Amino acid sequence: MDASPLLGDNDHPNEKETAMGVTVYAYAVEPGTSRITGYGSDMQQVVDELRSVRKEIELEDDRDDLPPSEVYAFDLLRPDIDQLLAVMSGDAELADLILKDKRLVKTVEGS
């Protein structure tokens, strides 16, 4: 399995794309209590959005006890036709079929 980036044009230059799939990023504002959201193909944009969300929570909710937030990388496989047909038929969830790995890549404190 070759994990080197594909050659050629890429609409998202910071997106890690491989022959097998793609890596996307997302965050949990309060790990363990909030859902993972803010998906994007560029980790820095996801971190910037997270900082903005944290600042808004701190100002609007008057929170000074917000724990560190977490940014995750999701390595996703490209679905094949049989997987897509299973999803379209309601027999499977796409995320269950294509998620290869989820890992913590950064923690963010402050705003």
PDB file of N, CA and C in Angstrom:
ATOM      1  N   MET A   1       0.826  -1.180   0.000  1.00  0.00           N
ATOM      2  CA  MET A   1       0.000   0.000   0.000  1.00  0.00           C
ATOM      3  C   MET A   1       0.868   1.240   0.000  1.00  0.00           C
ATOM      4  N   ASP A   2       0.727   2.027  -1.025  1.00  0.00           N
ATOM      5  CA  ASP A   2       1.509   3.245  -1.160  1.00  0.00           C
ATOM      6  C   ASP A   2       0.763   4.394  -0.511  1.00  0.00           C
ATOM      7  N   ALA A   3       1.375   5.052   0.456  1.00  0.00           N
ATOM      8  CA  ALA A   3       0.741   6.161   1.162  1.00  0.00           C
ATOM      9  C   ALA A   3       1.299   7.498   0.712  1.00  0.00           C
ATOM     10  N   SER A   4       2.018   7.534  -0.392  1.00  0.00           N
ATOM     11  CA  SER A   4       2.568   8.798  -0.862  1.00  0.00           C
ATOM     12  C   SER A   4       1.483   9.601  -1.562  1.00  0.00           C
ATOM     13  N   PRO A   5       1.554  10.927  -1.475  1.00  0.00           N
ATOM     14  CA  PRO A   5       0.535  11.765  -2.109  1.00  0.00           C
ATOM     15  C   PRO A   5       0.492  11.530  -3.618  1.00  0.00           C
ATOM     16  N   LEU A   6      -0.701  11.664  -4.166  1.00  0.00           N
ATOM     17  CA  LEU A   6      -0.862  11.547  -5.605  1.00  0.00           C
ATOM     18  C   LEU A   6      -0.264  12.767  -6.280  1.00  0.00           C
ATOM     19  N   LEU A   7       0.258  12.592  -7.454  1.00  0.00           N
ATOM     20  CA  LEU A   7       0.800  13.705  -8.219  1.00  0.00           C
ATOM     21  C   LEU A   7      -0.314  14.336  -9.022  1.00  0.00           C
ATOM     22  N   GLY A   8      -0.185  15.600  -9.321  1.00  0.00           N
ATOM     23  CA  GLY A   8      -1.177  16.274 -10.148  1.00  0.00           C
ATOM     24  C   GLY A   8      -1.812  17.421  -9.408  1.00  0.00           C
ATOM     25  N   ASP A   9      -2.808  18.034 -10.074  1.00  0.00           N
ATOM     26  CA  ASP A   9      -3.501  19.169  -9.479  1.00  0.00           C
ATOM     27  C   ASP A   9      -4.277  18.732  -8.256  1.00  0.00           C
ATOM     28  N   ASN A  10      -4.362  19.628  -7.288  1.00  0.00           N
ATOM     29  CA  ASN A  10      -5.096  19.345  -6.059  1.00  0.00           C
ATOM     30  C   ASN A  10      -5.840  20.612  -5.677  1.00  0.00           C
ATOM     31  N   ASP A  11      -7.167  20.520  -5.576  1.00  0.00           N
ATOM     32  CA  ASP A  11      -7.972  21.680  -5.229  1.00  0.00           C
ATOM     33  C   ASP A  11      -7.690  22.183  -3.821  1.00  0.00           C
ATOM     34  N   HIS A  12      -7.208  21.301  -2.960  1.00  0.00           N
ATOM     35  CA  HIS A  12      -6.912  21.649  -1.581  1.00  0.00           C
ATOM     36  C   HIS A  12      -5.449  21.313  -1.320  1.00  0.00           C
ATOM     37  N   PRO A  13      -4.538  22.268  -1.502  1.00  0.00           N
ATOM     38  CA  PRO A  13      -3.108  21.969  -1.418  1.00  0.00           C
ATOM     39  C   PRO A  13      -2.671  21.442  -0.061  1.00  0.00           C
ATOM     40  N   ASN A  14      -3.411  21.711   1.018  1.00  0.00           N
ATOM     41  CA  ASN A  14      -3.015  21.226   2.333  1.00  0.00           C
ATOM     42  C   ASN A  14      -3.659  19.890   2.677  1.00  0.00           C
ATOM     43  N   GLU A  15      -4.533  19.424   1.809  1.00  0.00           N
ATOM     44  CA  GLU A  15      -5.214  18.155   2.030  1.00  0.00           C
ATOM     45  C   GLU A  15      -4.257  17.019   1.756  1.00  0.00           C
ATOM     46  N   LYS A  16      -4.194  16.076   2.679  1.00  0.00           N
ATOM     47  CA  LYS A  16      -3.332  14.920   2.486  1.00  0.00           C
ATOM     48  C   LYS A  16      -4.129  13.870   1.718  1.00  0.00           C
ATOM     49  N   GLU A  17      -3.818  13.709   0.446  1.00  0.00           N
ATOM     50  CA  GLU A  17      -4.541  12.759  -0.386  1.00  0.00           C
ATOM     51  C   GLU A  17      -3.588  11.650  -0.802  1.00  0.00           C
ATOM     52  N   THR A  18      -4.044  10.434  -0.696  1.00  0.00           N
ATOM     53  CA  THR A  18      -3.235   9.293  -1.074  1.00  0.00           C
ATOM     54  C   THR A  18      -4.001   8.465  -2.095  1.00  0.00           C
ATOM     55  N   ALA A  19      -3.320   7.471  -2.647  1.00  0.00           N
ATOM     56  CA  ALA A  19      -3.969   6.586  -3.610  1.00  0.00           C
ATOM     57  C   ALA A  19      -5.123   5.834  -2.953  1.00  0.00           C
ATOM     58  N   MET A  20      -5.043   5.661  -1.645  1.00  0.00           N
ATOM     59  CA  MET A  20      -6.083   4.912  -0.935  1.00  0.00           C
ATOM     60  C   MET A  20      -7.218   5.792  -0.437  1.00  0.00           C
ATOM     61  N   GLY A  21      -6.978   7.048  -0.183  1.00  0.00           N
ATOM     62  CA  GLY A  21      -8.024   7.877   0.392  1.00  0.00           C
ATOM     63  C   GLY A  21      -7.568   9.286   0.673  1.00  0.00           C
ATOM     64  N   VAL A  22      -8.123   9.860   1.726  1.00  0.00           N
ATOM     65  CA  VAL A  22      -7.871  11.258   2.049  1.00  0.00           C
ATOM     66  C   VAL A  22      -7.891  11.413   3.570  1.00  0.00           C
ATOM     67  N   THR A  23      -7.190  12.419   4.063  1.00  0.00           N
ATOM     68  CA  THR A  23      -7.227  12.754   5.486  1.00  0.00           C
ATOM     69  C   THR A  23      -7.978  14.068   5.641  1.00  0.00           C
ATOM     70  N   VAL A  24      -8.952  14.069   6.550  1.00  0.00           N
ATOM     71  CA  VAL A  24      -9.676  15.288   6.889  1.00  0.00           C
ATOM     72  C   VAL A  24      -9.514  15.524   8.384  1.00  0.00           C
ATOM     73  N   TYR A  25      -9.841  16.735   8.820  1.00  0.00           N
ATOM     74  CA  TYR A  25      -9.643  17.134  10.207  1.00  0.00           C
ATOM     75  C   TYR A  25     -10.956  17.636  10.792  1.00  0.00           C
ATOM     76  N   ALA A  26     -11.095  17.523  12.108  1.00  0.00           N
ATOM     77  CA  ALA A  26     -12.271  18.013  12.817  1.00  0.00           C
ATOM     78  C   ALA A  26     -11.890  18.230  14.270  1.00  0.00           C
ATOM     79  N   TYR A  27     -12.800  18.864  15.018  1.00  0.00           N
ATOM     80  CA  TYR A  27     -12.482  19.158  16.414  1.00  0.00           C
ATOM     81  C   TYR A  27     -13.636  18.815  17.343  1.00  0.00           C
ATOM     82  N   ALA A  28     -13.278  18.644  18.608  1.00  0.00           N
ATOM     83  CA  ALA A  28     -14.235  18.524  19.706  1.00  0.00           C
ATOM     84  C   ALA A  28     -13.919  19.672  20.657  1.00  0.00           C
ATOM     85  N   VAL A  29     -14.876  20.580  20.854  1.00  0.00           N
ATOM     86  CA  VAL A  29     -14.640  21.731  21.717  1.00  0.00           C
ATOM     87  C   VAL A  29     -14.379  21.273  23.144  1.00  0.00           C
ATOM     88  N   GLU A  30     -15.239  20.407  23.656  1.00  0.00           N
ATOM     89  CA  GLU A  30     -15.074  19.842  24.989  1.00  0.00           C
ATOM     90  C   GLU A  30     -15.048  18.325  24.855  1.00  0.00           C
ATOM     91  N   PRO A  31     -13.872  17.737  24.676  1.00  0.00           N
ATOM     92  CA  PRO A  31     -13.779  16.292  24.465  1.00  0.00           C
ATOM     93  C   PRO A  31     -14.518  15.514  25.548  1.00  0.00           C
ATOM     94  N   GLY A  32     -15.263  14.523  25.109  1.00  0.00           N
ATOM     95  CA  GLY A  32     -16.023  13.700  26.030  1.00  0.00           C
ATOM     96  C   GLY A  32     -17.434  14.184  26.270  1.00  0.00           C
ATOM     97  N   THR A  33     -17.675  15.485  26.029  1.00  0.00           N
ATOM     98  CA  THR A  33     -19.024  16.010  26.247  1.00  0.00           C
ATOM     99  C   THR A  33     -19.624  16.641  24.995  1.00  0.00           C
ATOM    100  N   SER A  34     -18.802  17.051  24.049  1.00  0.00           N
ATOM    101  CA  SER A  34     -19.333  17.649  22.823  1.00  0.00           C
ATOM    102  C   SER A  34     -19.051  16.725  21.642  1.00  0.00           C
ATOM    103  N   ARG A  35     -19.862  16.873  20.619  1.00  0.00           N
ATOM    104  CA  ARG A  35     -19.653  16.022  19.448  1.00  0.00           C
ATOM    105  C   ARG A  35     -18.537  16.596  18.585  1.00  0.00           C
ATOM    106  N   ILE A  36     -17.977  15.742  17.766  1.00  0.00           N
ATOM    107  CA  ILE A  36     -16.925  16.172  16.848  1.00  0.00           C
ATOM    108  C   ILE A  36     -17.590  16.903  15.693  1.00  0.00           C
ATOM    109  N   THR A  37     -17.060  18.076  15.368  1.00  0.00           N
ATOM    110  CA  THR A  37     -17.652  18.925  14.340  1.00  0.00           C
ATOM    111  C   THR A  37     -16.555  19.728  13.661  1.00  0.00           C
ATOM    112  N   GLY A  38     -16.933  20.631  12.767  1.00  0.00           N
ATOM    113  CA  GLY A  38     -15.968  21.511  12.126  1.00  0.00           C
ATOM    114  C   GLY A  38     -15.048  20.799  11.158  1.00  0.00           C
ATOM    115  N   TYR A  39     -15.577  19.845  10.408  1.00  0.00           N
ATOM    116  CA  TYR A  39     -14.746  19.075   9.470  1.00  0.00           C
ATOM    117  C   TYR A  39     -14.186  19.969   8.374  1.00  0.00           C
ATOM    118  N   GLY A  40     -12.949  19.699   7.974  1.00  0.00           N
ATOM    119  CA  GLY A  40     -12.321  20.431   6.890  1.00  0.00           C
ATOM    120  C   GLY A  40     -11.111  19.684   6.372  1.00  0.00           C
ATOM    121  N   SER A  41     -10.644  20.089   5.209  1.00  0.00           N
ATOM    122  CA  SER A  41      -9.504  19.411   4.599  1.00  0.00           C
ATOM    123  C   SER A  41      -8.172  20.036   4.976  1.00  0.00           C
ATOM    124  N   ASP A  42      -8.194  21.210   5.601  1.00  0.00           N
ATOM    125  CA  ASP A  42      -6.972  21.910   5.979  1.00  0.00           C
ATOM    126  C   ASP A  42      -6.926  22.036   7.502  1.00  0.00           C
ATOM    127  N   MET A  43      -5.903  21.445   8.117  1.00  0.00           N
ATOM    128  CA  MET A  43      -5.837  21.438   9.576  1.00  0.00           C
ATOM    129  C   MET A  43      -5.781  22.853  10.149  1.00  0.00           C
ATOM    130  N   GLN A  44      -5.046  23.758   9.541  1.00  0.00           N
ATOM    131  CA  GLN A  44      -4.938  25.109  10.094  1.00  0.00           C
ATOM    132  C   GLN A  44      -6.281  25.828  10.062  1.00  0.00           C
ATOM    133  N   GLN A  45      -7.070  25.629   9.005  1.00  0.00           N
ATOM    134  CA  GLN A  45      -8.401  26.238   8.958  1.00  0.00           C
ATOM    135  C   GLN A  45      -9.303  25.672  10.048  1.00  0.00           C
ATOM    136  N   VAL A  46      -9.191  24.378  10.309  1.00  0.00           N
ATOM    137  CA  VAL A  46      -9.977  23.748  11.370  1.00  0.00           C
ATOM    138  C   VAL A  46      -9.560  24.318  12.723  1.00  0.00           C
ATOM    139  N   VAL A  47      -8.265  24.476  12.954  1.00  0.00           N
ATOM    140  CA  VAL A  47      -7.768  25.047  14.208  1.00  0.00           C
ATOM    141  C   VAL A  47      -8.241  26.493  14.356  1.00  0.00           C
ATOM    142  N   ASP A  48      -8.184  27.269  13.274  1.00  0.00           N
ATOM    143  CA  ASP A  48      -8.643  28.661  13.326  1.00  0.00           C
ATOM    144  C   ASP A  48     -10.129  28.738  13.662  1.00  0.00           C
ATOM    145  N   GLU A  49     -10.926  27.862  13.051  1.00  0.00           N
ATOM    146  CA  GLU A  49     -12.362  27.834  13.349  1.00  0.00           C
ATOM    147  C   GLU A  49     -12.590  27.438  14.808  1.00  0.00           C
ATOM    148  N   LEU A  50     -11.836  26.471  15.287  1.00  0.00           N
ATOM    149  CA  LEU A  50     -11.959  26.042  16.682  1.00  0.00           C
ATOM    150  C   LEU A  50     -11.638  27.197  17.628  1.00  0.00           C
ATOM    151  N   ARG A  51     -10.581  27.931  17.358  1.00  0.00           N
ATOM    152  CA  ARG A  51     -10.229  29.075  18.214  1.00  0.00           C
ATOM    153  C   ARG A  51     -11.365  30.110  18.236  1.00  0.00           C
ATOM    154  N   SER A  52     -11.980  30.332  17.085  1.00  0.00           N
ATOM    155  CA  SER A  52     -13.100  31.264  16.993  1.00  0.00           C
ATOM    156  C   SER A  52     -14.292  30.772  17.818  1.00  0.00           C
ATOM    157  N   VAL A  53     -14.590  29.493  17.727  1.00  0.00           N
ATOM    158  CA  VAL A  53     -15.695  28.899  18.498  1.00  0.00           C
ATOM    159  C   VAL A  53     -15.400  29.004  19.986  1.00  0.00           C
ATOM    160  N   ARG A  54     -14.168  28.696  20.387  1.00  0.00           N
ATOM    161  CA  ARG A  54     -13.793  28.785  21.796  1.00  0.00           C
ATOM    162  C   ARG A  54     -13.944  30.219  22.309  1.00  0.00           C
ATOM    163  N   LYS A  55     -13.525  31.188  21.499  1.00  0.00           N
ATOM    164  CA  LYS A  55     -13.634  32.590  21.903  1.00  0.00           C
ATOM    165  C   LYS A  55     -15.097  32.984  22.084  1.00  0.00           C
ATOM    166  N   GLU A  56     -15.939  32.548  21.159  1.00  0.00           N
ATOM    167  CA  GLU A  56     -17.365  32.846  21.244  1.00  0.00           C
ATOM    168  C   GLU A  56     -17.985  32.231  22.508  1.00  0.00           C
ATOM    169  N   ILE A  57     -17.630  30.997  22.810  1.00  0.00           N
ATOM    170  CA  ILE A  57     -18.144  30.339  24.017  1.00  0.00           C
ATOM    171  C   ILE A  57     -17.683  31.079  25.264  1.00  0.00           C
ATOM    172  N   GLU A  58     -16.420  31.458  25.297  1.00  0.00           N
ATOM    173  CA  GLU A  58     -15.887  32.158  26.467  1.00  0.00           C
ATOM    174  C   GLU A  58     -16.576  33.511  26.678  1.00  0.00           C
ATOM    175  N   LEU A  59     -16.881  34.220  25.581  1.00  0.00           N
ATOM    176  CA  LEU A  59     -17.518  35.533  25.687  1.00  0.00           C
ATOM    177  C   LEU A  59     -19.015  35.428  25.963  1.00  0.00           C
ATOM    178  N   GLU A  60     -19.726  34.633  25.169  1.00  0.00           N
ATOM    179  CA  GLU A  60     -21.180  34.567  25.276  1.00  0.00           C
ATOM    180  C   GLU A  60     -21.644  33.793  26.501  1.00  0.00           C
ATOM    181  N   ASP A  61     -20.947  32.745  26.854  1.00  0.00           N
ATOM    182  CA  ASP A  61     -21.355  31.911  27.985  1.00  0.00           C
ATOM    183  C   ASP A  61     -20.600  32.268  29.260  1.00  0.00           C
ATOM    184  N   ASP A  62     -19.735  33.285  29.172  1.00  0.00           N
ATOM    185  CA  ASP A  62     -18.943  33.724  30.319  1.00  0.00           C
ATOM    186  C   ASP A  62     -18.228  32.543  30.974  1.00  0.00           C
ATOM    187  N   ARG A  63     -17.529  31.772  30.128  1.00  0.00           N
ATOM    188  CA  ARG A  63     -16.820  30.581  30.608  1.00  0.00           C
ATOM    189  C   ARG A  63     -15.336  30.867  30.681  1.00  0.00           C
ATOM    190  N   ASP A  64     -14.766  30.641  31.830  1.00  0.00           N
ATOM    191  CA  ASP A  64     -13.318  30.736  31.959  1.00  0.00           C
ATOM    192  C   ASP A  64     -12.722  29.376  32.333  1.00  0.00           C
ATOM    193  N   ASP A  65     -13.583  28.348  32.328  1.00  0.00           N
ATOM    194  CA  ASP A  65     -13.151  27.010  32.721  1.00  0.00           C
ATOM    195  C   ASP A  65     -13.185  26.028  31.553  1.00  0.00           C
ATOM    196  N   LEU A  66     -13.165  26.526  30.330  1.00  0.00           N
ATOM    197  CA  LEU A  66     -13.241  25.664  29.157  1.00  0.00           C
ATOM    198  C   LEU A  66     -11.979  24.803  29.071  1.00  0.00           C
ATOM    199  N   PRO A  67     -12.134  23.476  29.085  1.00  0.00           N
ATOM    200  CA  PRO A  67     -10.959  22.607  29.029  1.00  0.00           C
ATOM    201  C   PRO A  67     -10.312  22.652  27.652  1.00  0.00           C
ATOM    202  N   PRO A  68      -9.120  22.117  27.520  1.00  0.00           N
ATOM    203  CA  PRO A  68      -8.484  22.076  26.194  1.00  0.00           C
ATOM    204  C   PRO A  68      -9.360  21.322  25.191  1.00  0.00           C
ATOM    205  N   SER A  69      -9.386  21.828  23.984  1.00  0.00           N
ATOM    206  CA  SER A  69     -10.121  21.185  22.901  1.00  0.00           C
ATOM    207  C   SER A  69      -9.168  20.292  22.119  1.00  0.00           C
ATOM    208  N   GLU A  70      -9.731  19.389  21.341  1.00  0.00           N
ATOM    209  CA  GLU A  70      -8.909  18.448  20.584  1.00  0.00           C
ATOM    210  C   GLU A  70      -9.223  18.504  19.101  1.00  0.00           C
ATOM    211  N   VAL A  71      -8.171  18.404  18.296  1.00  0.00           N
ATOM    212  CA  VAL A  71      -8.293  18.320  16.845  1.00  0.00           C
ATOM    213  C   VAL A  71      -7.877  16.916  16.440  1.00  0.00           C
ATOM    214  N   TYR A  72      -8.693  16.295  15.606  1.00  0.00           N
ATOM    215  CA  TYR A  72      -8.452  14.925  15.167  1.00  0.00           C
ATOM    216  C   TYR A  72      -8.214  14.871  13.665  1.00  0.00           C
ATOM    217  N   ALA A  73      -7.431  13.902  13.258  1.00  0.00           N
ATOM    218  CA  ALA A  73      -7.268  13.579  11.838  1.00  0.00           C
ATOM    219  C   ALA A  73      -8.040  12.287  11.580  1.00  0.00           C
ATOM    220  N   PHE A  74      -8.785  12.261  10.505  1.00  0.00           N
ATOM    221  CA  PHE A  74      -9.531  11.080  10.088  1.00  0.00           C
ATOM    222  C   PHE A  74      -8.979  10.628   8.749  1.00  0.00           C
ATOM    223  N   ASP A  75      -8.405   9.440   8.724  1.00  0.00           N
ATOM    224  CA  ASP A  75      -7.936   8.863   7.471  1.00  0.00           C
ATOM    225  C   ASP A  75      -9.097   8.074   6.881  1.00  0.00           C
ATOM    226  N   LEU A  76      -9.530   8.498   5.713  1.00  0.00           N
ATOM    227  CA  LEU A  76     -10.693   7.894   5.076  1.00  0.00           C
ATOM    228  C   LEU A  76     -10.290   7.159   3.804  1.00  0.00           C
ATOM    229  N   LEU A  77     -10.856   5.980   3.626  1.00  0.00           N
ATOM    230  CA  LEU A  77     -10.644   5.217   2.396  1.00  0.00           C
ATOM    231  C   LEU A  77     -11.642   5.678   1.347  1.00  0.00           C
ATOM    232  N   ARG A  78     -11.261   5.554   0.109  1.00  0.00           N
ATOM    233  CA  ARG A  78     -12.215   5.860  -0.955  1.00  0.00           C
ATOM    234  C   ARG A  78     -13.162   4.670  -1.093  1.00  0.00           C
ATOM    235  N   PRO A  79     -14.474   4.924  -1.045  1.00  0.00           N
ATOM    236  CA  PRO A  79     -15.412   3.803  -1.141  1.00  0.00           C
ATOM    237  C   PRO A  79     -15.418   3.199  -2.542  1.00  0.00           C
ATOM    238  N   ASP A  80     -15.644   1.886  -2.594  1.00  0.00           N
ATOM    239  CA  ASP A  80     -15.796   1.243  -3.901  1.00  0.00           C
ATOM    240  C   ASP A  80     -17.290   1.174  -4.227  1.00  0.00           C
ATOM    241  N   ILE A  81     -17.609   0.701  -5.399  1.00  0.00           N
ATOM    242  CA  ILE A  81     -18.994   0.705  -5.858  1.00  0.00           C
ATOM    243  C   ILE A  81     -19.891  -0.152  -4.967  1.00  0.00           C
ATOM    244  N   ASP A  82     -19.404  -1.300  -4.500  1.00  0.00           N
ATOM    245  CA  ASP A  82     -20.220  -2.160  -3.631  1.00  0.00           C
ATOM    246  C   ASP A  82     -20.546  -1.470  -2.305  1.00  0.00           C
ATOM    247  N   GLN A  83     -19.584  -0.731  -1.771  1.00  0.00           N
ATOM    248  CA  GLN A  83     -19.832   0.006  -0.535  1.00  0.00           C
ATOM    249  C   GLN A  83     -20.864   1.105  -0.763  1.00  0.00           C
ATOM    250  N   LEU A  84     -20.744   1.815  -1.863  1.00  0.00           N
ATOM    251  CA  LEU A  84     -21.706   2.875  -2.172  1.00  0.00           C
ATOM    252  C   LEU A  84     -23.110   2.303  -2.349  1.00  0.00           C
ATOM    253  N   LEU A  85     -23.207   1.173  -3.010  1.00  0.00           N
ATOM    254  CA  LEU A  85     -24.517   0.539  -3.203  1.00  0.00           C
ATOM    255  C   LEU A  85     -25.119   0.101  -1.866  1.00  0.00           C
ATOM    256  N   ALA A  86     -24.282  -0.409  -0.962  1.00  0.00           N
ATOM    257  CA  ALA A  86     -24.765  -0.805   0.361  1.00  0.00           C
ATOM    258  C   ALA A  86     -25.296   0.403   1.128  1.00  0.00           C
ATOM    259  N   VAL A  87     -24.616   1.538   1.016  1.00  0.00           N
ATOM    260  CA  VAL A  87     -25.053   2.767   1.684  1.00  0.00           C
ATOM    261  C   VAL A  87     -26.359   3.251   1.066  1.00  0.00           C
ATOM    262  N   MET A  88     -26.415   3.284  -0.256  1.00  0.00           N
ATOM    263  CA  MET A  88     -27.620   3.756  -0.947  1.00  0.00           C
ATOM    264  C   MET A  88     -28.828   2.859  -0.649  1.00  0.00           C
ATOM    265  N   SER A  89     -28.583   1.584  -0.397  1.00  0.00           N
ATOM    266  CA  SER A  89     -29.657   0.635  -0.097  1.00  0.00           C
ATOM    267  C   SER A  89     -30.054   0.672   1.380  1.00  0.00           C
ATOM    268  N   GLY A  90     -29.311   1.427   2.180  1.00  0.00           N
ATOM    269  CA  GLY A  90     -29.609   1.520   3.597  1.00  0.00           C
ATOM    270  C   GLY A  90     -29.068   0.357   4.415  1.00  0.00           C
ATOM    271  N   ASP A  91     -28.177  -0.426   3.829  1.00  0.00           N
ATOM    272  CA  ASP A  91     -27.622  -1.592   4.515  1.00  0.00           C
ATOM    273  C   ASP A  91     -26.350  -1.279   5.300  1.00  0.00           C
ATOM    274  N   ALA A  92     -25.789  -0.097   5.127  1.00  0.00           N
ATOM    275  CA  ALA A  92     -24.539   0.255   5.799  1.00  0.00           C
ATOM    276  C   ALA A  92     -24.451   1.771   5.944  1.00  0.00           C
ATOM    277  N   GLU A  93     -23.631   2.179   6.900  1.00  0.00           N
ATOM    278  CA  GLU A  93     -23.327   3.599   7.092  1.00  0.00           C
ATOM    279  C   GLU A  93     -21.990   3.893   6.427  1.00  0.00           C
ATOM    280  N   LEU A  94     -21.916   4.966   5.650  1.00  0.00           N
ATOM    281  CA  LEU A  94     -20.700   5.298   4.926  1.00  0.00           C
ATOM    282  C   LEU A  94     -19.501   5.435   5.864  1.00  0.00           C
ATOM    283  N   ALA A  95     -19.683   6.122   6.983  1.00  0.00           N
ATOM    284  CA  ALA A  95     -18.569   6.320   7.917  1.00  0.00           C
ATOM    285  C   ALA A  95     -18.007   4.995   8.421  1.00  0.00           C
ATOM    286  N   ASP A  96     -18.875   4.020   8.629  1.00  0.00           N
ATOM    287  CA  ASP A  96     -18.411   2.706   9.097  1.00  0.00           C
ATOM    288  C   ASP A  96     -17.555   2.009   8.043  1.00  0.00           C
ATOM    289  N   LEU A  97     -17.824   2.288   6.791  1.00  0.00           N
ATOM    290  CA  LEU A  97     -17.107   1.613   5.711  1.00  0.00           C
ATOM    291  C   LEU A  97     -15.786   2.279   5.348  1.00  0.00           C
ATOM    292  N   ILE A  98     -15.693   3.596   5.507  1.00  0.00           N
ATOM    293  CA  ILE A  98     -14.514   4.292   4.970  1.00  0.00           C
ATOM    294  C   ILE A  98     -13.534   4.798   6.020  1.00  0.00           C
ATOM    295  N   LEU A  99     -13.911   4.808   7.309  1.00  0.00           N
ATOM    296  CA  LEU A  99     -12.987   5.302   8.336  1.00  0.00           C
ATOM    297  C   LEU A  99     -11.893   4.275   8.580  1.00  0.00           C
ATOM    298  N   LYS A 100     -10.667   4.655   8.204  1.00  0.00           N
ATOM    299  CA  LYS A 100      -9.519   3.770   8.400  1.00  0.00           C
ATOM    300  C   LYS A 100      -8.868   4.018   9.749  1.00  0.00           C
ATOM    301  N   ASP A 101      -8.725   5.306  10.118  1.00  0.00           N
ATOM    302  CA  ASP A 101      -8.030   5.645  11.360  1.00  0.00           C
ATOM    303  C   ASP A 101      -8.492   7.016  11.832  1.00  0.00           C
ATOM    304  N   LYS A 102      -8.590   7.172  13.146  1.00  0.00           N
ATOM    305  CA  LYS A 102      -8.870   8.462  13.778  1.00  0.00           C
ATOM    306  C   LYS A 102      -7.787   8.666  14.816  1.00  0.00           C
ATOM    307  N   ARG A 103      -7.155   9.846  14.800  1.00  0.00           N
ATOM    308  CA  ARG A 103      -6.084  10.090  15.756  1.00  0.00           C
ATOM    309  C   ARG A 103      -6.081  11.556  16.193  1.00  0.00           C
ATOM    310  N   LEU A 104      -5.684  11.758  17.438  1.00  0.00           N
ATOM    311  CA  LEU A 104      -5.535  13.093  17.987  1.00  0.00           C
ATOM    312  C   LEU A 104      -4.269  13.711  17.403  1.00  0.00           C
ATOM    313  N   VAL A 105      -4.388  14.934  16.857  1.00  0.00           N
ATOM    314  CA  VAL A 105      -3.217  15.565  16.251  1.00  0.00           C
ATOM    315  C   VAL A 105      -2.845  16.889  16.923  1.00  0.00           C
ATOM    316  N   LYS A 106      -3.765  17.467  17.733  1.00  0.00           N
ATOM    317  CA  LYS A 106      -3.455  18.759  18.361  1.00  0.00           C
ATOM    318  C   LYS A 106      -4.443  19.029  19.482  1.00  0.00           C
ATOM    319  N   THR A 107      -3.955  19.676  20.524  1.00  0.00           N
ATOM    320  CA  THR A 107      -4.852  20.204  21.560  1.00  0.00           C
ATOM    321  C   THR A 107      -4.765  21.728  21.513  1.00  0.00           C
ATOM    322  N   VAL A 108      -5.876  22.381  21.793  1.00  0.00           N
ATOM    323  CA  VAL A 108      -5.940  23.836  21.704  1.00  0.00           C
ATOM    324  C   VAL A 108      -6.499  24.375  23.013  1.00  0.00           C
ATOM    325  N   GLU A 109      -5.782  25.320  23.612  1.00  0.00           N
ATOM    326  CA  GLU A 109      -6.225  25.995  24.825  1.00  0.00           C
ATOM    327  C   GLU A 109      -6.392  27.475  24.510  1.00  0.00           C
ATOM    328  N   GLY A 110      -7.148  28.150  25.315  1.00  0.00           N
ATOM    329  CA  GLY A 110      -7.354  29.592  25.115  1.00  0.00           C
ATOM    330  C   GLY A 110      -8.169  29.855  23.874  1.00  0.00           C
ATOM    331  N   SER A 111      -8.184  31.109  23.431  1.00  0.00           N
ATOM    332  CA  SER A 111      -8.979  31.430  22.249  1.00  0.00           C
ATOM    333  C   SER A 111      -8.185  32.169  21.206  1.00  0.00           C
TER     334      SER A 111
END
